[in-house]
């Protein structure tokens, strides 16, 4: 798993069942800061969208990070857990 630094995370409810959250992070050795947005209609099955946080960066770098998220369950779970942990219970 790639080492990451979580900069901030948040999670909120959109309605009775839907959730939307974000985790902002930097990966070791990368210049860019990323934001992954998590969306769920039931709080169990999650979709995500990855983009640059501050400014556009190298598209190849973004595609590599997206591939990492697709293939590295531990990384994905760490980023999702950061957002879930930020949810005000």
PDB file of N, CA and C in Angstrom:
ATOM      1  N   UNK A   1       0.847  -1.183   0.000  1.00  0.00           N
ATOM      2  CA  UNK A   1       0.000   0.000   0.000  1.00  0.00           C
ATOM      3  C   UNK A   1       0.890   1.243   0.000  1.00  0.00           C
ATOM      4  N   UNK A   2       0.475   2.227  -0.733  1.00  0.00           N
ATOM      5  CA  UNK A   2       1.188   3.496  -0.790  1.00  0.00           C
ATOM      6  C   UNK A   2       0.941   4.259   0.517  1.00  0.00           C
ATOM      7  N   UNK A   3       1.966   4.957   0.994  1.00  0.00           N
ATOM      8  CA  UNK A   3       1.802   5.775   2.199  1.00  0.00           C
ATOM      9  C   UNK A   3       1.067   7.057   1.843  1.00  0.00           C
ATOM     10  N   UNK A   4       0.078   7.397   2.666  1.00  0.00           N
ATOM     11  CA  UNK A   4      -0.687   8.613   2.431  1.00  0.00           C
ATOM     12  C   UNK A   4      -0.765   9.436   3.704  1.00  0.00           C
ATOM     13  N   UNK A   5      -0.937  10.726   3.498  1.00  0.00           N
ATOM     14  CA  UNK A   5      -1.183  11.661   4.597  1.00  0.00           C
ATOM     15  C   UNK A   5      -2.595  12.192   4.399  1.00  0.00           C
ATOM     16  N   UNK A   6      -3.460  11.939   5.371  1.00  0.00           N
ATOM     17  CA  UNK A   6      -4.819  12.459   5.300  1.00  0.00           C
ATOM     18  C   UNK A   6      -4.805  13.882   5.834  1.00  0.00           C
ATOM     19  N   UNK A   7      -5.265  14.804   5.024  1.00  0.00           N
ATOM     20  CA  UNK A   7      -5.253  16.218   5.375  1.00  0.00           C
ATOM     21  C   UNK A   7      -6.540  16.608   6.087  1.00  0.00           C
ATOM     22  N   UNK A   8      -7.670  16.164   5.551  1.00  0.00           N
ATOM     23  CA  UNK A   8      -8.955  16.393   6.224  1.00  0.00           C
ATOM     24  C   UNK A   8      -9.984  15.422   5.654  1.00  0.00           C
ATOM     25  N   UNK A   9     -11.035  15.222   6.421  1.00  0.00           N
ATOM     26  CA  UNK A   9     -12.103  14.318   5.993  1.00  0.00           C
ATOM     27  C   UNK A   9     -13.416  14.794   6.592  1.00  0.00           C
ATOM     28  N   UNK A  10     -14.494  14.487   5.906  1.00  0.00           N
ATOM     29  CA  UNK A  10     -15.820  14.823   6.420  1.00  0.00           C
ATOM     30  C   UNK A  10     -16.841  13.856   5.827  1.00  0.00           C
ATOM     31  N   UNK A  11     -17.963  13.736   6.511  1.00  0.00           N
ATOM     32  CA  UNK A  11     -19.067  12.902   6.044  1.00  0.00           C
ATOM     33  C   UNK A  11     -20.347  13.550   6.529  1.00  0.00           C
ATOM     34  N   UNK A  12     -21.367  13.527   5.680  1.00  0.00           N
ATOM     35  CA  UNK A  12     -22.671  14.057   6.087  1.00  0.00           C
ATOM     36  C   UNK A  12     -23.774  13.245   5.407  1.00  0.00           C
ATOM     37  N   UNK A  13     -24.971  13.392   5.936  1.00  0.00           N
ATOM     38  CA  UNK A  13     -26.136  12.758   5.327  1.00  0.00           C
ATOM     39  C   UNK A  13     -26.802  13.753   4.397  1.00  0.00           C
ATOM     40  N   UNK A  14     -27.236  13.262   3.262  1.00  0.00           N
ATOM     41  CA  UNK A  14     -27.960  14.096   2.309  1.00  0.00           C
ATOM     42  C   UNK A  14     -29.462  14.029   2.569  1.00  0.00           C
ATOM     43  N   UNK A  15     -29.950  12.889   2.964  1.00  0.00           N
ATOM     44  CA  UNK A  15     -31.342  12.700   3.356  1.00  0.00           C
ATOM     45  C   UNK A  15     -31.369  11.551   4.350  1.00  0.00           C
ATOM     46  N   UNK A  16     -32.487  10.891   4.515  1.00  0.00           N
ATOM     47  CA  UNK A  16     -32.571   9.848   5.546  1.00  0.00           C
ATOM     48  C   UNK A  16     -31.591   8.706   5.340  1.00  0.00           C
ATOM     49  N   UNK A  17     -31.285   8.376   4.082  1.00  0.00           N
ATOM     50  CA  UNK A  17     -30.444   7.210   3.828  1.00  0.00           C
ATOM     51  C   UNK A  17     -29.142   7.508   3.096  1.00  0.00           C
ATOM     52  N   UNK A  18     -29.068   8.593   2.359  1.00  0.00           N
ATOM     53  CA  UNK A  18     -27.893   8.876   1.524  1.00  0.00           C
ATOM     54  C   UNK A  18     -26.786   9.566   2.315  1.00  0.00           C
ATOM     55  N   UNK A  19     -25.562   9.212   1.968  1.00  0.00           N
ATOM     56  CA  UNK A  19     -24.379   9.813   2.582  1.00  0.00           C
ATOM     57  C   UNK A  19     -23.480  10.360   1.486  1.00  0.00           C
ATOM     58  N   UNK A  20     -22.773  11.432   1.810  1.00  0.00           N
ATOM     59  CA  UNK A  20     -21.727  11.952   0.938  1.00  0.00           C
ATOM     60  C   UNK A  20     -20.571  12.411   1.827  1.00  0.00           C
ATOM     61  N   UNK A  21     -19.376  12.022   1.453  1.00  0.00           N
ATOM     62  CA  UNK A  21     -18.212  12.381   2.251  1.00  0.00           C
ATOM     63  C   UNK A  21     -17.006  12.625   1.372  1.00  0.00           C
ATOM     64  N   UNK A  22     -16.016  13.282   1.936  1.00  0.00           N
ATOM     65  CA  UNK A  22     -14.781  13.541   1.206  1.00  0.00           C
ATOM     66  C   UNK A  22     -13.578  13.285   2.108  1.00  0.00           C
ATOM     67  N   UNK A  23     -12.511  12.860   1.483  1.00  0.00           N
ATOM     68  CA  UNK A  23     -11.224  12.750   2.155  1.00  0.00           C
ATOM     69  C   UNK A  23     -10.188  13.421   1.261  1.00  0.00           C
ATOM     70  N   UNK A  24      -9.471  14.372   1.825  1.00  0.00           N
ATOM     71  CA  UNK A  24      -8.401  15.068   1.111  1.00  0.00           C
ATOM     72  C   UNK A  24      -7.089  14.451   1.583  1.00  0.00           C
ATOM     73  N   UNK A  25      -6.230  14.098   0.624  1.00  0.00           N
ATOM     74  CA  UNK A  25      -4.999  13.395   0.999  1.00  0.00           C
ATOM     75  C   UNK A  25      -3.885  13.664   0.006  1.00  0.00           C
ATOM     76  N   UNK A  26      -2.684  13.368   0.473  1.00  0.00           N
ATOM     77  CA  UNK A  26      -1.481  13.438  -0.359  1.00  0.00           C
ATOM     78  C   UNK A  26      -0.803  12.074  -0.269  1.00  0.00           C
ATOM     79  N   UNK A  27      -0.368  11.567  -1.406  1.00  0.00           N
ATOM     80  CA  UNK A  27       0.352  10.300  -1.442  1.00  0.00           C
ATOM     81  C   UNK A  27       1.847  10.576  -1.428  1.00  0.00           C
ATOM     82  N   UNK A  28       2.577   9.728  -0.721  1.00  0.00           N
ATOM     83  CA  UNK A  28       4.024   9.870  -0.649  1.00  0.00           C
ATOM     84  C   UNK A  28       4.627   9.844  -2.054  1.00  0.00           C
ATOM     85  N   UNK A  29       5.478  10.822  -2.328  1.00  0.00           N
ATOM     86  CA  UNK A  29       6.146  10.889  -3.617  1.00  0.00           C
ATOM     87  C   UNK A  29       5.352  11.593  -4.705  1.00  0.00           C
ATOM     88  N   UNK A  30       4.143  12.037  -4.397  1.00  0.00           N
ATOM     89  CA  UNK A  30       3.303  12.738  -5.375  1.00  0.00           C
ATOM     90  C   UNK A  30       3.305  14.229  -5.061  1.00  0.00           C
ATOM     91  N   UNK A  31       3.225  15.048  -6.082  1.00  0.00           N
ATOM     92  CA  UNK A  31       3.164  16.496  -5.897  1.00  0.00           C
ATOM     93  C   UNK A  31       1.750  16.957  -5.574  1.00  0.00           C
ATOM     94  N   UNK A  32       0.779  16.301  -6.165  1.00  0.00           N
ATOM     95  CA  UNK A  32      -0.608  16.754  -6.094  1.00  0.00           C
ATOM     96  C   UNK A  32      -1.292  16.355  -4.796  1.00  0.00           C
ATOM     97  N   UNK A  33      -2.307  17.140  -4.455  1.00  0.00           N
ATOM     98  CA  UNK A  33      -3.205  16.810  -3.354  1.00  0.00           C
ATOM     99  C   UNK A  33      -4.516  16.377  -3.992  1.00  0.00           C
ATOM    100  N   UNK A  34      -5.024  15.247  -3.535  1.00  0.00           N
ATOM    101  CA  UNK A  34      -6.228  14.661  -4.110  1.00  0.00           C
ATOM    102  C   UNK A  34      -7.404  14.794  -3.153  1.00  0.00           C
ATOM    103  N   UNK A  35      -8.587  14.754  -3.733  1.00  0.00           N
ATOM    104  CA  UNK A  35      -9.815  14.661  -2.949  1.00  0.00           C
ATOM    105  C   UNK A  35     -10.632  13.522  -3.534  1.00  0.00           C
ATOM    106  N   UNK A  36     -11.032  12.604  -2.675  1.00  0.00           N
ATOM    107  CA  UNK A  36     -11.921  11.533  -3.101  1.00  0.00           C
ATOM    108  C   UNK A  36     -13.274  11.793  -2.445  1.00  0.00           C
ATOM    109  N   UNK A  37     -14.322  11.777  -3.253  1.00  0.00           N
ATOM    110  CA  UNK A  37     -15.680  11.970  -2.767  1.00  0.00           C
ATOM    111  C   UNK A  37     -16.367  10.615  -2.758  1.00  0.00           C
ATOM    112  N   UNK A  38     -16.921  10.249  -1.613  1.00  0.00           N
ATOM    113  CA  UNK A  38     -17.641   8.987  -1.468  1.00  0.00           C
ATOM    114  C   UNK A  38     -19.136   9.264  -1.421  1.00  0.00           C
ATOM    115  N   UNK A  39     -19.913   8.429  -2.108  1.00  0.00           N
ATOM    116  CA  UNK A  39     -21.364   8.573  -2.125  1.00  0.00           C
ATOM    117  C   UNK A  39     -22.000   7.214  -1.888  1.00  0.00           C
ATOM    118  N   UNK A  40     -23.051   7.192  -1.063  1.00  0.00           N
ATOM    119  CA  UNK A  40     -23.773   5.954  -0.806  1.00  0.00           C
ATOM    120  C   UNK A  40     -25.244   6.255  -0.599  1.00  0.00           C
ATOM    121  N   UNK A  41     -26.093   5.413  -1.154  1.00  0.00           N
ATOM    122  CA  UNK A  41     -27.535   5.564  -0.953  1.00  0.00           C
ATOM    123  C   UNK A  41     -28.008   4.830   0.291  1.00  0.00           C
ATOM    124  N   UNK A  42     -27.166   3.938   0.831  1.00  0.00           N
ATOM    125  CA  UNK A  42     -27.599   3.143   1.980  1.00  0.00           C
ATOM    126  C   UNK A  42     -26.567   3.060   3.106  1.00  0.00           C
ATOM    127  N   UNK A  43     -25.414   3.687   2.949  1.00  0.00           N
ATOM    128  CA  UNK A  43     -24.377   3.635   3.972  1.00  0.00           C
ATOM    129  C   UNK A  43     -23.563   2.358   3.958  1.00  0.00           C
ATOM    130  N   UNK A  44     -23.792   1.498   2.954  1.00  0.00           N
ATOM    131  CA  UNK A  44     -23.058   0.232   2.859  1.00  0.00           C
ATOM    132  C   UNK A  44     -22.327   0.086   1.529  1.00  0.00           C
ATOM    133  N   UNK A  45     -22.996   0.409   0.442  1.00  0.00           N
ATOM    134  CA  UNK A  45     -22.414   0.305  -0.893  1.00  0.00           C
ATOM    135  C   UNK A  45     -21.960   1.694  -1.327  1.00  0.00           C
ATOM    136  N   UNK A  46     -20.659   1.816  -1.631  1.00  0.00           N
ATOM    137  CA  UNK A  46     -20.072   3.132  -1.872  1.00  0.00           C
ATOM    138  C   UNK A  46     -19.561   3.270  -3.294  1.00  0.00           C
ATOM    139  N   UNK A  47     -19.803   4.435  -3.876  1.00  0.00           N
ATOM    140  CA  UNK A  47     -19.177   4.858  -5.127  1.00  0.00           C
ATOM    141  C   UNK A  47     -18.209   5.981  -4.774  1.00  0.00           C
ATOM    142  N   UNK A  48     -17.281   6.252  -5.666  1.00  0.00           N
ATOM    143  CA  UNK A  48     -16.351   7.344  -5.388  1.00  0.00           C
ATOM    144  C   UNK A  48     -16.004   8.096  -6.663  1.00  0.00           C
ATOM    145  N   UNK A  49     -15.506   9.296  -6.452  1.00  0.00           N
ATOM    146  CA  UNK A  49     -14.999  10.139  -7.531  1.00  0.00           C
ATOM    147  C   UNK A  49     -13.701  10.766  -7.040  1.00  0.00           C
ATOM    148  N   UNK A  50     -12.660  10.662  -7.843  1.00  0.00           N
ATOM    149  CA  UNK A  50     -11.343  11.186  -7.473  1.00  0.00           C
ATOM    150  C   UNK A  50     -11.017  12.392  -8.337  1.00  0.00           C
ATOM    151  N   UNK A  51     -10.515  13.447  -7.711  1.00  0.00           N
ATOM    152  CA  UNK A  51     -10.089  14.626  -8.454  1.00  0.00           C
ATOM    153  C   UNK A  51      -8.992  15.359  -7.684  1.00  0.00           C
ATOM    154  N   UNK A  52      -8.360  16.313  -8.365  1.00  0.00           N
ATOM    155  CA  UNK A  52      -7.359  17.145  -7.714  1.00  0.00           C
ATOM    156  C   UNK A  52      -8.064  18.156  -6.824  1.00  0.00           C
ATOM    157  N   UNK A  53      -7.453  18.490  -5.690  1.00  0.00           N
ATOM    158  CA  UNK A  53      -8.082  19.406  -4.748  1.00  0.00           C
ATOM    159  C   UNK A  53      -7.829  20.859  -5.103  1.00  0.00           C
ATOM    160  N   UNK A  54      -6.589  21.228  -5.237  1.00  0.00           N
ATOM    161  CA  UNK A  54      -6.242  22.643  -5.337  1.00  0.00           C
ATOM    162  C   UNK A  54      -6.189  23.145  -6.772  1.00  0.00           C
ATOM    163  N   UNK A  55      -5.531  22.417  -7.620  1.00  0.00           N
ATOM    164  CA  UNK A  55      -5.386  22.842  -9.007  1.00  0.00           C
ATOM    165  C   UNK A  55      -5.203  21.604  -9.863  1.00  0.00           C
ATOM    166  N   UNK A  56      -5.432  21.772 -11.143  1.00  0.00           N
ATOM    167  CA  UNK A  56      -5.255  20.647 -12.051  1.00  0.00           C
ATOM    168  C   UNK A  56      -3.815  20.179 -12.011  1.00  0.00           C
ATOM    169  N   UNK A  57      -3.664  18.888 -12.104  1.00  0.00           N
ATOM    170  CA  UNK A  57      -2.337  18.306 -12.097  1.00  0.00           C
ATOM    171  C   UNK A  57      -2.154  17.424 -13.317  1.00  0.00           C
ATOM    172  N   UNK A  58      -1.196  16.562 -13.241  1.00  0.00           N
ATOM    173  CA  UNK A  58      -0.877  15.638 -14.314  1.00  0.00           C
ATOM    174  C   UNK A  58      -1.968  14.570 -14.403  1.00  0.00           C
ATOM    175  N   UNK A  59      -2.607  14.470 -15.565  1.00  0.00           N
ATOM    176  CA  UNK A  59      -3.691  13.507 -15.731  1.00  0.00           C
ATOM    177  C   UNK A  59      -3.201  12.071 -15.538  1.00  0.00           C
ATOM    178  N   UNK A  60      -1.978  11.785 -15.966  1.00  0.00           N
ATOM    179  CA  UNK A  60      -1.414  10.443 -15.782  1.00  0.00           C
ATOM    180  C   UNK A  60      -1.300  10.106 -14.295  1.00  0.00           C
ATOM    181  N   UNK A  61      -0.919  11.101 -13.493  1.00  0.00           N
ATOM    182  CA  UNK A  61      -0.818  10.919 -12.044  1.00  0.00           C
ATOM    183  C   UNK A  61      -2.195  10.594 -11.456  1.00  0.00           C
ATOM    184  N   UNK A  62      -3.213  11.311 -11.914  1.00  0.00           N
ATOM    185  CA  UNK A  62      -4.578  11.075 -11.444  1.00  0.00           C
ATOM    186  C   UNK A  62      -5.047   9.676 -11.835  1.00  0.00           C
ATOM    187  N   UNK A  63      -4.757   9.257 -13.047  1.00  0.00           N
ATOM    188  CA  UNK A  63      -5.162   7.926 -13.497  1.00  0.00           C
ATOM    189  C   UNK A  63      -4.450   6.831 -12.705  1.00  0.00           C
ATOM    190  N   UNK A  64      -3.179   7.045 -12.377  1.00  0.00           N
ATOM    191  CA  UNK A  64      -2.447   6.067 -11.552  1.00  0.00           C
ATOM    192  C   UNK A  64      -3.068   5.958 -10.167  1.00  0.00           C
ATOM    193  N   UNK A  65      -3.419   7.113  -9.574  1.00  0.00           N
ATOM    194  CA  UNK A  65      -4.029   7.093  -8.253  1.00  0.00           C
ATOM    195  C   UNK A  65      -5.397   6.423  -8.305  1.00  0.00           C
ATOM    196  N   UNK A  66      -6.163   6.684  -9.346  1.00  0.00           N
ATOM    197  CA  UNK A  66      -7.468   6.052  -9.495  1.00  0.00           C
ATOM    198  C   UNK A  66      -7.320   4.534  -9.615  1.00  0.00           C
ATOM    199  N   UNK A  67      -6.314   4.096 -10.349  1.00  0.00           N
ATOM    200  CA  UNK A  67      -6.058   2.663 -10.478  1.00  0.00           C
ATOM    201  C   UNK A  67      -5.670   2.058  -9.128  1.00  0.00           C
ATOM    202  N   UNK A  68      -4.873   2.792  -8.353  1.00  0.00           N
ATOM    203  CA  UNK A  68      -4.527   2.325  -7.007  1.00  0.00           C
ATOM    204  C   UNK A  68      -5.779   2.147  -6.154  1.00  0.00           C
ATOM    205  N   UNK A  69      -6.680   3.124  -6.205  1.00  0.00           N
ATOM    206  CA  UNK A  69      -7.917   3.029  -5.423  1.00  0.00           C
ATOM    207  C   UNK A  69      -8.761   1.841  -5.866  1.00  0.00           C
ATOM    208  N   UNK A  70      -8.775   1.565  -7.154  1.00  0.00           N
ATOM    209  CA  UNK A  70      -9.543   0.432  -7.675  1.00  0.00           C
ATOM    210  C   UNK A  70      -8.969  -0.903  -7.213  1.00  0.00           C
ATOM    211  N   UNK A  71      -7.653  -0.980  -7.099  1.00  0.00           N
ATOM    212  CA  UNK A  71      -6.991  -2.261  -6.862  1.00  0.00           C
ATOM    213  C   UNK A  71      -6.487  -2.485  -5.444  1.00  0.00           C
ATOM    214  N   UNK A  72      -6.378  -1.446  -4.650  1.00  0.00           N
ATOM    215  CA  UNK A  72      -5.831  -1.564  -3.296  1.00  0.00           C
ATOM    216  C   UNK A  72      -6.946  -1.336  -2.275  1.00  0.00           C
ATOM    217  N   UNK A  73      -7.556  -2.438  -1.837  1.00  0.00           N
ATOM    218  CA  UNK A  73      -8.678  -2.338  -0.900  1.00  0.00           C
ATOM    219  C   UNK A  73      -8.283  -1.658   0.402  1.00  0.00           C
ATOM    220  N   UNK A  74      -7.065  -1.885   0.868  1.00  0.00           N
ATOM    221  CA  UNK A  74      -6.624  -1.266   2.121  1.00  0.00           C
ATOM    222  C   UNK A  74      -6.562   0.256   1.994  1.00  0.00           C
ATOM    223  N   UNK A  75      -6.049   0.740   0.881  1.00  0.00           N
ATOM    224  CA  UNK A  75      -5.987   2.183   0.650  1.00  0.00           C
ATOM    225  C   UNK A  75      -7.394   2.763   0.558  1.00  0.00           C
ATOM    226  N   UNK A  76      -8.246   2.128  -0.228  1.00  0.00           N
ATOM    227  CA  UNK A  76      -9.631   2.585  -0.374  1.00  0.00           C
ATOM    228  C   UNK A  76     -10.323   2.628   0.986  1.00  0.00           C
ATOM    229  N   UNK A  77     -10.180   1.543   1.747  1.00  0.00           N
ATOM    230  CA  UNK A  77     -10.825   1.473   3.067  1.00  0.00           C
ATOM    231  C   UNK A  77     -10.281   2.532   4.019  1.00  0.00           C
ATOM    232  N   UNK A  78      -8.986   2.798   3.959  1.00  0.00           N
ATOM    233  CA  UNK A  78      -8.396   3.816   4.834  1.00  0.00           C
ATOM    234  C   UNK A  78      -8.992   5.192   4.543  1.00  0.00           C
ATOM    235  N   UNK A  79      -9.155   5.512   3.269  1.00  0.00           N
ATOM    236  CA  UNK A  79      -9.721   6.809   2.889  1.00  0.00           C
ATOM    237  C   UNK A  79     -11.207   6.892   3.232  1.00  0.00           C
ATOM    238  N   UNK A  80     -11.947   5.812   2.978  1.00  0.00           N
ATOM    239  CA  UNK A  80     -13.365   5.783   3.335  1.00  0.00           C
ATOM    240  C   UNK A  80     -13.538   5.839   4.846  1.00  0.00           C
ATOM    241  N   UNK A  81     -12.738   5.084   5.584  1.00  0.00           N
ATOM    242  CA  UNK A  81     -12.829   5.093   7.053  1.00  0.00           C
ATOM    243  C   UNK A  81     -12.546   6.478   7.626  1.00  0.00           C
ATOM    244  N   UNK A  82     -11.621   7.212   7.020  1.00  0.00           N
ATOM    245  CA  UNK A  82     -11.339   8.574   7.498  1.00  0.00           C
ATOM    246  C   UNK A  82     -12.589   9.440   7.376  1.00  0.00           C
ATOM    247  N   UNK A  83     -13.297   9.316   6.259  1.00  0.00           N
ATOM    248  CA  UNK A  83     -14.531  10.084   6.077  1.00  0.00           C
ATOM    249  C   UNK A  83     -15.605   9.609   7.052  1.00  0.00           C
ATOM    250  N   UNK A  84     -15.757   8.301   7.197  1.00  0.00           N
ATOM    251  CA  UNK A  84     -16.768   7.763   8.117  1.00  0.00           C
ATOM    252  C   UNK A  84     -16.483   8.164   9.557  1.00  0.00           C
ATOM    253  N   UNK A  85     -15.217   8.163   9.942  1.00  0.00           N
ATOM    254  CA  UNK A  85     -14.847   8.552  11.310  1.00  0.00           C
ATOM    255  C   UNK A  85     -15.153  10.019  11.587  1.00  0.00           C
ATOM    256  N   UNK A  86     -15.242  10.822  10.535  1.00  0.00           N
ATOM    257  CA  UNK A  86     -15.540  12.247  10.704  1.00  0.00           C
ATOM    258  C   UNK A  86     -17.041  12.515  10.812  1.00  0.00           C
ATOM    259  N   UNK A  87     -17.858  11.473  10.596  1.00  0.00           N
ATOM    260  CA  UNK A  87     -19.314  11.658  10.649  1.00  0.00           C
ATOM    261  C   UNK A  87     -19.743  11.934  12.081  1.00  0.00           C
ATOM    262  N   UNK A  88     -20.454  13.039  12.300  1.00  0.00           N
ATOM    263  CA  UNK A  88     -20.895  13.358  13.669  1.00  0.00           C
ATOM    264  C   UNK A  88     -22.024  12.416  14.091  1.00  0.00           C
ATOM    265  N   UNK A  89     -21.716  11.525  14.982  1.00  0.00           N
ATOM    266  CA  UNK A  89     -22.698  10.512  15.418  1.00  0.00           C
ATOM    267  C   UNK A  89     -23.754  11.097  16.332  1.00  0.00           C
TER     268      UNK A  89
END
